[in-house]
């Protein structure tokens, strides 16, 4: 399919164009996972576990969630 035809299908929004895309090599920019190790005092781990159980997520999820929230909050203020 030529780019002009693809653009028309996209712009007209009458046809789903997803079947015309090659998603096999799709990558989200700035979303590559990288492992880090962080040491916390026991009381912090206990508090994280309690909060994670309260909202029904894992410890890792609550850490990620809170870090992302804080970083987004700071980026808005800067």
PDB file of N, CA and C in Angstrom:
ATOM      1  N   UNK A   1       0.844  -1.165   0.000  1.00  0.00           N
ATOM      2  CA  UNK A   1       0.000   0.000   0.000  1.00  0.00           C
ATOM      3  C   UNK A   1       0.895   1.235   0.000  1.00  0.00           C
ATOM      4  N   UNK A   2       0.534   2.190  -0.803  1.00  0.00           N
ATOM      5  CA  UNK A   2       1.302   3.427  -0.873  1.00  0.00           C
ATOM      6  C   UNK A   2       0.960   4.323   0.312  1.00  0.00           C
ATOM      7  N   UNK A   3       1.918   5.159   0.676  1.00  0.00           N
ATOM      8  CA  UNK A   3       1.756   6.025   1.832  1.00  0.00           C
ATOM      9  C   UNK A   3       0.535   6.928   1.703  1.00  0.00           C
ATOM     10  N   UNK A   4       0.289   7.404   0.518  1.00  0.00           N
ATOM     11  CA  UNK A   4      -0.852   8.309   0.304  1.00  0.00           C
ATOM     12  C   UNK A   4      -2.175   7.587   0.615  1.00  0.00           C
ATOM     13  N   UNK A   5      -2.275   6.356   0.170  1.00  0.00           N
ATOM     14  CA  UNK A   5      -3.482   5.556   0.423  1.00  0.00           C
ATOM     15  C   UNK A   5      -3.617   5.250   1.919  1.00  0.00           C
ATOM     16  N   UNK A   6      -2.498   4.903   2.548  1.00  0.00           N
ATOM     17  CA  UNK A   6      -2.500   4.629   3.980  1.00  0.00           C
ATOM     18  C   UNK A   6      -2.944   5.873   4.751  1.00  0.00           C
ATOM     19  N   UNK A   7      -2.377   7.029   4.395  1.00  0.00           N
ATOM     20  CA  UNK A   7      -2.733   8.281   5.063  1.00  0.00           C
ATOM     21  C   UNK A   7      -4.217   8.592   4.918  1.00  0.00           C
ATOM     22  N   UNK A   8      -4.762   8.327   3.746  1.00  0.00           N
ATOM     23  CA  UNK A   8      -6.188   8.581   3.510  1.00  0.00           C
ATOM     24  C   UNK A   8      -7.037   7.692   4.409  1.00  0.00           C
ATOM     25  N   UNK A   9      -6.692   6.412   4.490  1.00  0.00           N
ATOM     26  CA  UNK A   9      -7.440   5.493   5.353  1.00  0.00           C
ATOM     27  C   UNK A   9      -7.380   5.971   6.803  1.00  0.00           C
ATOM     28  N   UNK A  10      -6.203   6.417   7.224  1.00  0.00           N
ATOM     29  CA  UNK A  10      -6.042   6.908   8.584  1.00  0.00           C
ATOM     30  C   UNK A  10      -6.857   8.178   8.799  1.00  0.00           C
ATOM     31  N   UNK A  11      -6.732   9.118   7.886  1.00  0.00           N
ATOM     32  CA  UNK A  11      -7.420  10.405   8.028  1.00  0.00           C
ATOM     33  C   UNK A  11      -8.933  10.263   7.967  1.00  0.00           C
ATOM     34  N   UNK A  12      -9.422   9.377   7.110  1.00  0.00           N
ATOM     35  CA  UNK A  12     -10.873   9.184   6.968  1.00  0.00           C
ATOM     36  C   UNK A  12     -11.465   8.470   8.171  1.00  0.00           C
ATOM     37  N   UNK A  13     -10.649   7.700   8.860  1.00  0.00           N
ATOM     38  CA  UNK A  13     -11.060   6.973  10.064  1.00  0.00           C
ATOM     39  C   UNK A  13     -12.249   6.044   9.802  1.00  0.00           C
ATOM     40  N   UNK A  14     -12.360   5.555   8.573  1.00  0.00           N
ATOM     41  CA  UNK A  14     -13.460   4.661   8.224  1.00  0.00           C
ATOM     42  C   UNK A  14     -13.024   3.201   8.260  1.00  0.00           C
ATOM     43  N   UNK A  15     -11.733   2.984   8.308  1.00  0.00           N
ATOM     44  CA  UNK A  15     -11.217   1.621   8.253  1.00  0.00           C
ATOM     45  C   UNK A  15     -10.116   1.454   9.292  1.00  0.00           C
ATOM     46  N   UNK A  16     -10.096   0.303   9.943  1.00  0.00           N
ATOM     47  CA  UNK A  16      -9.045   0.004  10.902  1.00  0.00           C
ATOM     48  C   UNK A  16      -7.740  -0.226  10.144  1.00  0.00           C
ATOM     49  N   UNK A  17      -6.724   0.538  10.484  1.00  0.00           N
ATOM     50  CA  UNK A  17      -5.456   0.446   9.751  1.00  0.00           C
ATOM     51  C   UNK A  17      -4.453  -0.475  10.427  1.00  0.00           C
ATOM     52  N   UNK A  18      -4.799  -1.022  11.577  1.00  0.00           N
ATOM     53  CA  UNK A  18      -3.846  -1.825  12.345  1.00  0.00           C
ATOM     54  C   UNK A  18      -3.330  -3.024  11.545  1.00  0.00           C
ATOM     55  N   UNK A  19      -4.168  -3.596  10.708  1.00  0.00           N
ATOM     56  CA  UNK A  19      -3.754  -4.751   9.911  1.00  0.00           C
ATOM     57  C   UNK A  19      -2.699  -4.394   8.869  1.00  0.00           C
ATOM     58  N   UNK A  20      -2.527  -3.113   8.605  1.00  0.00           N
ATOM     59  CA  UNK A  20      -1.556  -2.661   7.607  1.00  0.00           C
ATOM     60  C   UNK A  20      -0.210  -2.278   8.241  1.00  0.00           C
ATOM     61  N   UNK A  21      -0.093  -2.471   9.541  1.00  0.00           N
ATOM     62  CA  UNK A  21       1.134  -2.100  10.238  1.00  0.00           C
ATOM     63  C   UNK A  21       1.916  -3.337  10.642  1.00  0.00           C
ATOM     64  N   UNK A  22       3.226  -3.229  10.626  1.00  0.00           N
ATOM     65  CA  UNK A  22       4.096  -4.297  11.099  1.00  0.00           C
ATOM     66  C   UNK A  22       4.463  -3.973  12.545  1.00  0.00           C
ATOM     67  N   UNK A  23       3.822  -4.666  13.485  1.00  0.00           N
ATOM     68  CA  UNK A  23       4.035  -4.397  14.899  1.00  0.00           C
ATOM     69  C   UNK A  23       5.090  -5.305  15.523  1.00  0.00           C
ATOM     70  N   UNK A  24       5.721  -6.143  14.718  1.00  0.00           N
ATOM     71  CA  UNK A  24       6.671  -7.121  15.257  1.00  0.00           C
ATOM     72  C   UNK A  24       7.907  -6.476  15.878  1.00  0.00           C
ATOM     73  N   UNK A  25       8.272  -5.307  15.417  1.00  0.00           N
ATOM     74  CA  UNK A  25       9.470  -4.661  15.961  1.00  0.00           C
ATOM     75  C   UNK A  25       9.127  -3.382  16.725  1.00  0.00           C
ATOM     76  N   UNK A  26       7.890  -3.268  17.139  1.00  0.00           N
ATOM     77  CA  UNK A  26       7.428  -2.092  17.856  1.00  0.00           C
ATOM     78  C   UNK A  26       8.116  -1.980  19.211  1.00  0.00           C
ATOM     79  N   UNK A  27       8.611  -0.795  19.532  1.00  0.00           N
ATOM     80  CA  UNK A  27       9.256  -0.534  20.816  1.00  0.00           C
ATOM     81  C   UNK A  27       8.745   0.785  21.351  1.00  0.00           C
ATOM     82  N   UNK A  28       8.535   0.827  22.666  1.00  0.00           N
ATOM     83  CA  UNK A  28       8.123   2.069  23.317  1.00  0.00           C
ATOM     84  C   UNK A  28       9.382   2.809  23.748  1.00  0.00           C
ATOM     85  N   UNK A  29       9.534   4.011  23.277  1.00  0.00           N
ATOM     86  CA  UNK A  29      10.708   4.795  23.629  1.00  0.00           C
ATOM     87  C   UNK A  29      10.711   5.098  25.124  1.00  0.00           C
ATOM     88  N   UNK A  30      11.872   5.066  25.710  1.00  0.00           N
ATOM     89  CA  UNK A  30      12.082   5.348  27.132  1.00  0.00           C
ATOM     90  C   UNK A  30      11.337   4.387  28.055  1.00  0.00           C
ATOM     91  N   UNK A  31      10.982   3.201  27.567  1.00  0.00           N
ATOM     92  CA  UNK A  31      10.295   2.224  28.406  1.00  0.00           C
ATOM     93  C   UNK A  31      11.061   0.902  28.479  1.00  0.00           C
ATOM     94  N   UNK A  32      12.350   0.944  28.211  1.00  0.00           N
ATOM     95  CA  UNK A  32      13.164  -0.254  28.334  1.00  0.00           C
ATOM     96  C   UNK A  32      13.359  -0.534  29.823  1.00  0.00           C
ATOM     97  N   UNK A  33      13.143  -1.769  30.222  1.00  0.00           N
ATOM     98  CA  UNK A  33      13.282  -2.141  31.626  1.00  0.00           C
ATOM     99  C   UNK A  33      14.758  -2.260  31.992  1.00  0.00           C
ATOM    100  N   UNK A  34      15.082  -1.797  33.170  1.00  0.00           N
ATOM    101  CA  UNK A  34      16.432  -1.921  33.696  1.00  0.00           C
ATOM    102  C   UNK A  34      16.316  -2.262  35.175  1.00  0.00           C
ATOM    103  N   UNK A  35      16.984  -3.301  35.586  1.00  0.00           N
ATOM    104  CA  UNK A  35      16.898  -3.765  36.968  1.00  0.00           C
ATOM    105  C   UNK A  35      17.812  -2.930  37.856  1.00  0.00           C
ATOM    106  N   UNK A  36      17.288  -2.550  39.022  1.00  0.00           N
ATOM    107  CA  UNK A  36      18.078  -1.860  40.033  1.00  0.00           C
ATOM    108  C   UNK A  36      17.827  -2.539  41.382  1.00  0.00           C
ATOM    109  N   UNK A  37      18.801  -2.467  42.236  1.00  0.00           N
ATOM    110  CA  UNK A  37      18.665  -2.996  43.598  1.00  0.00           C
ATOM    111  C   UNK A  37      18.686  -1.826  44.566  1.00  0.00           C
ATOM    112  N   UNK A  38      17.743  -1.844  45.485  1.00  0.00           N
ATOM    113  CA  UNK A  38      17.647  -0.785  46.482  1.00  0.00           C
ATOM    114  C   UNK A  38      17.506  -1.443  47.850  1.00  0.00           C
ATOM    115  N   UNK A  39      18.281  -0.984  48.802  1.00  0.00           N
ATOM    116  CA  UNK A  39      18.185  -1.492  50.168  1.00  0.00           C
ATOM    117  C   UNK A  39      17.322  -0.544  50.990  1.00  0.00           C
ATOM    118  N   UNK A  40      16.320  -1.119  51.698  1.00  0.00           N
ATOM    119  CA  UNK A  40      15.442  -0.350  52.563  1.00  0.00           C
ATOM    120  C   UNK A  40      15.530  -0.902  53.980  1.00  0.00           C
ATOM    121  N   UNK A  41      15.322  -0.053  54.971  1.00  0.00           N
ATOM    122  CA  UNK A  41      15.213  -0.561  56.345  1.00  0.00           C
ATOM    123  C   UNK A  41      13.975  -1.465  56.453  1.00  0.00           C
ATOM    124  N   UNK A  42      13.990  -2.351  57.413  1.00  0.00           N
ATOM    125  CA  UNK A  42      12.900  -3.301  57.596  1.00  0.00           C
ATOM    126  C   UNK A  42      11.559  -2.603  57.784  1.00  0.00           C
ATOM    127  N   UNK A  43      11.538  -1.510  58.531  1.00  0.00           N
ATOM    128  CA  UNK A  43      10.263  -0.825  58.757  1.00  0.00           C
ATOM    129  C   UNK A  43       9.664  -0.301  57.453  1.00  0.00           C
ATOM    130  N   UNK A  44      10.521   0.090  56.496  1.00  0.00           N
ATOM    131  CA  UNK A  44      10.022   0.569  55.205  1.00  0.00           C
ATOM    132  C   UNK A  44       9.398  -0.599  54.431  1.00  0.00           C
ATOM    133  N   UNK A  45      10.074  -1.728  54.420  1.00  0.00           N
ATOM    134  CA  UNK A  45       9.547  -2.923  53.747  1.00  0.00           C
ATOM    135  C   UNK A  45       8.204  -3.322  54.354  1.00  0.00           C
ATOM    136  N   UNK A  46       8.124  -3.317  55.679  1.00  0.00           N
ATOM    137  CA  UNK A  46       6.867  -3.665  56.351  1.00  0.00           C
ATOM    138  C   UNK A  46       5.744  -2.711  55.956  1.00  0.00           C
ATOM    139  N   UNK A  47       6.052  -1.433  55.919  1.00  0.00           N
ATOM    140  CA  UNK A  47       5.043  -0.437  55.523  1.00  0.00           C
ATOM    141  C   UNK A  47       4.629  -0.607  54.072  1.00  0.00           C
ATOM    142  N   UNK A  48       5.605  -0.857  53.206  1.00  0.00           N
ATOM    143  CA  UNK A  48       5.293  -1.095  51.790  1.00  0.00           C
ATOM    144  C   UNK A  48       4.396  -2.320  51.630  1.00  0.00           C
ATOM    145  N   UNK A  49       4.714  -3.380  52.341  1.00  0.00           N
ATOM    146  CA  UNK A  49       3.919  -4.609  52.250  1.00  0.00           C
ATOM    147  C   UNK A  49       2.490  -4.385  52.740  1.00  0.00           C
ATOM    148  N   UNK A  50       2.334  -3.656  53.825  1.00  0.00           N
ATOM    149  CA  UNK A  50       0.979  -3.372  54.332  1.00  0.00           C
ATOM    150  C   UNK A  50       0.168  -2.579  53.311  1.00  0.00           C
ATOM    151  N   UNK A  51       0.778  -1.538  52.754  1.00  0.00           N
ATOM    152  CA  UNK A  51       0.077  -0.709  51.768  1.00  0.00           C
ATOM    153  C   UNK A  51      -0.210  -1.500  50.495  1.00  0.00           C
ATOM    154  N   UNK A  52       0.735  -2.309  50.071  1.00  0.00           N
ATOM    155  CA  UNK A  52       0.532  -3.127  48.869  1.00  0.00           C
ATOM    156  C   UNK A  52      -0.633  -4.094  49.079  1.00  0.00           C
ATOM    157  N   UNK A  53      -0.682  -4.745  50.234  1.00  0.00           N
ATOM    158  CA  UNK A  53      -1.804  -5.655  50.541  1.00  0.00           C
ATOM    159  C   UNK A  53      -3.127  -4.893  50.581  1.00  0.00           C
ATOM    160  N   UNK A  54      -3.102  -3.711  51.158  1.00  0.00           N
ATOM    161  CA  UNK A  54      -4.322  -2.910  51.296  1.00  0.00           C
ATOM    162  C   UNK A  54      -4.951  -2.599  49.939  1.00  0.00           C
ATOM    163  N   UNK A  55      -4.091  -2.268  48.950  1.00  0.00           N
ATOM    164  CA  UNK A  55      -4.649  -1.933  47.637  1.00  0.00           C
ATOM    165  C   UNK A  55      -4.591  -3.101  46.648  1.00  0.00           C
ATOM    166  N   UNK A  56      -4.069  -4.241  47.088  1.00  0.00           N
ATOM    167  CA  UNK A  56      -4.107  -5.455  46.278  1.00  0.00           C
ATOM    168  C   UNK A  56      -3.084  -5.535  45.164  1.00  0.00           C
ATOM    169  N   UNK A  57      -1.874  -5.049  45.441  1.00  0.00           N
ATOM    170  CA  UNK A  57      -0.801  -5.138  44.445  1.00  0.00           C
ATOM    171  C   UNK A  57       0.442  -5.713  45.122  1.00  0.00           C
ATOM    172  N   UNK A  58       1.475  -5.944  44.343  1.00  0.00           N
ATOM    173  CA  UNK A  58       2.729  -6.453  44.894  1.00  0.00           C
ATOM    174  C   UNK A  58       3.570  -5.299  45.450  1.00  0.00           C
ATOM    175  N   UNK A  59       4.553  -5.660  46.243  1.00  0.00           N
ATOM    176  CA  UNK A  59       5.485  -4.658  46.773  1.00  0.00           C
ATOM    177  C   UNK A  59       6.166  -3.912  45.621  1.00  0.00           C
ATOM    178  N   UNK A  60       6.607  -4.651  44.628  1.00  0.00           N
ATOM    179  CA  UNK A  60       7.279  -4.021  43.486  1.00  0.00           C
ATOM    180  C   UNK A  60       6.350  -3.024  42.796  1.00  0.00           C
ATOM    181  N   UNK A  61       5.086  -3.382  42.666  1.00  0.00           N
ATOM    182  CA  UNK A  61       4.125  -2.487  42.007  1.00  0.00           C
ATOM    183  C   UNK A  61       3.921  -1.200  42.781  1.00  0.00           C
ATOM    184  N   UNK A  62       3.822  -1.299  44.102  1.00  0.00           N
ATOM    185  CA  UNK A  62       3.603  -0.081  44.891  1.00  0.00           C
ATOM    186  C   UNK A  62       4.829   0.820  44.831  1.00  0.00           C
ATOM    187  N   UNK A  63       6.017   0.235  44.822  1.00  0.00           N
ATOM    188  CA  UNK A  63       7.246   1.039  44.703  1.00  0.00           C
ATOM    189  C   UNK A  63       7.258   1.752  43.358  1.00  0.00           C
ATOM    190  N   UNK A  64       6.988   1.023  42.288  1.00  0.00           N
ATOM    191  CA  UNK A  64       6.970   1.635  40.951  1.00  0.00           C
ATOM    192  C   UNK A  64       5.927   2.742  40.877  1.00  0.00           C
ATOM    193  N   UNK A  65       4.734   2.439  41.362  1.00  0.00           N
ATOM    194  CA  UNK A  65       3.640   3.400  41.308  1.00  0.00           C
ATOM    195  C   UNK A  65       4.002   4.688  42.027  1.00  0.00           C
ATOM    196  N   UNK A  66       4.501   4.562  43.248  1.00  0.00           N
ATOM    197  CA  UNK A  66       4.832   5.758  44.020  1.00  0.00           C
ATOM    198  C   UNK A  66       5.989   6.534  43.407  1.00  0.00           C
ATOM    199  N   UNK A  67       6.978   5.846  42.892  1.00  0.00           N
ATOM    200  CA  UNK A  67       8.098   6.552  42.254  1.00  0.00           C
ATOM    201  C   UNK A  67       7.644   7.312  41.011  1.00  0.00           C
ATOM    202  N   UNK A  68       6.846   6.655  40.191  1.00  0.00           N
ATOM    203  CA  UNK A  68       6.350   7.316  38.972  1.00  0.00           C
ATOM    204  C   UNK A  68       5.481   8.515  39.328  1.00  0.00           C
ATOM    205  N   UNK A  69       4.589   8.343  40.318  1.00  0.00           N
ATOM    206  CA  UNK A  69       3.749   9.464  40.739  1.00  0.00           C
ATOM    207  C   UNK A  69       4.597  10.642  41.195  1.00  0.00           C
ATOM    208  N   UNK A  70       5.615  10.353  41.981  1.00  0.00           N
ATOM    209  CA  UNK A  70       6.472  11.427  42.497  1.00  0.00           C
ATOM    210  C   UNK A  70       7.251  12.116  41.371  1.00  0.00           C
ATOM    211  N   UNK A  71       7.776  11.336  40.449  1.00  0.00           N
ATOM    212  CA  UNK A  71       8.525  11.916  39.328  1.00  0.00           C
ATOM    213  C   UNK A  71       7.627  12.758  38.436  1.00  0.00           C
ATOM    214  N   UNK A  72       6.410  12.270  38.192  1.00  0.00           N
ATOM    215  CA  UNK A  72       5.468  13.050  37.381  1.00  0.00           C
ATOM    216  C   UNK A  72       5.072  14.335  38.097  1.00  0.00           C
ATOM    217  N   UNK A  73       4.867  14.254  39.394  1.00  0.00           N
ATOM    218  CA  UNK A  73       4.529  15.422  40.192  1.00  0.00           C
ATOM    219  C   UNK A  73       5.639  16.461  40.114  1.00  0.00           C
ATOM    220  N   UNK A  74       6.868  16.035  40.234  1.00  0.00           N
ATOM    221  CA  UNK A  74       8.004  16.953  40.182  1.00  0.00           C
ATOM    222  C   UNK A  74       8.178  17.556  38.792  1.00  0.00           C
ATOM    223  N   UNK A  75       7.931  16.761  37.756  1.00  0.00           N
ATOM    224  CA  UNK A  75       8.126  17.275  36.389  1.00  0.00           C
ATOM    225  C   UNK A  75       7.081  18.326  36.058  1.00  0.00           C
ATOM    226  N   UNK A  76       5.927  18.270  36.677  1.00  0.00           N
ATOM    227  CA  UNK A  76       4.887  19.275  36.445  1.00  0.00           C
ATOM    228  C   UNK A  76       5.286  20.601  37.087  1.00  0.00           C
ATOM    229  N   UNK A  77       5.913  20.528  38.263  1.00  0.00           N
ATOM    230  CA  UNK A  77       6.304  21.742  38.986  1.00  0.00           C
ATOM    231  C   UNK A  77       7.525  22.417  38.388  1.00  0.00           C
ATOM    232  N   UNK A  78       8.370  21.659  37.718  1.00  0.00           N
ATOM    233  CA  UNK A  78       9.633  22.228  37.208  1.00  0.00           C
ATOM    234  C   UNK A  78       9.416  22.979  35.922  1.00  0.00           C
TER     235      UNK A  78
END
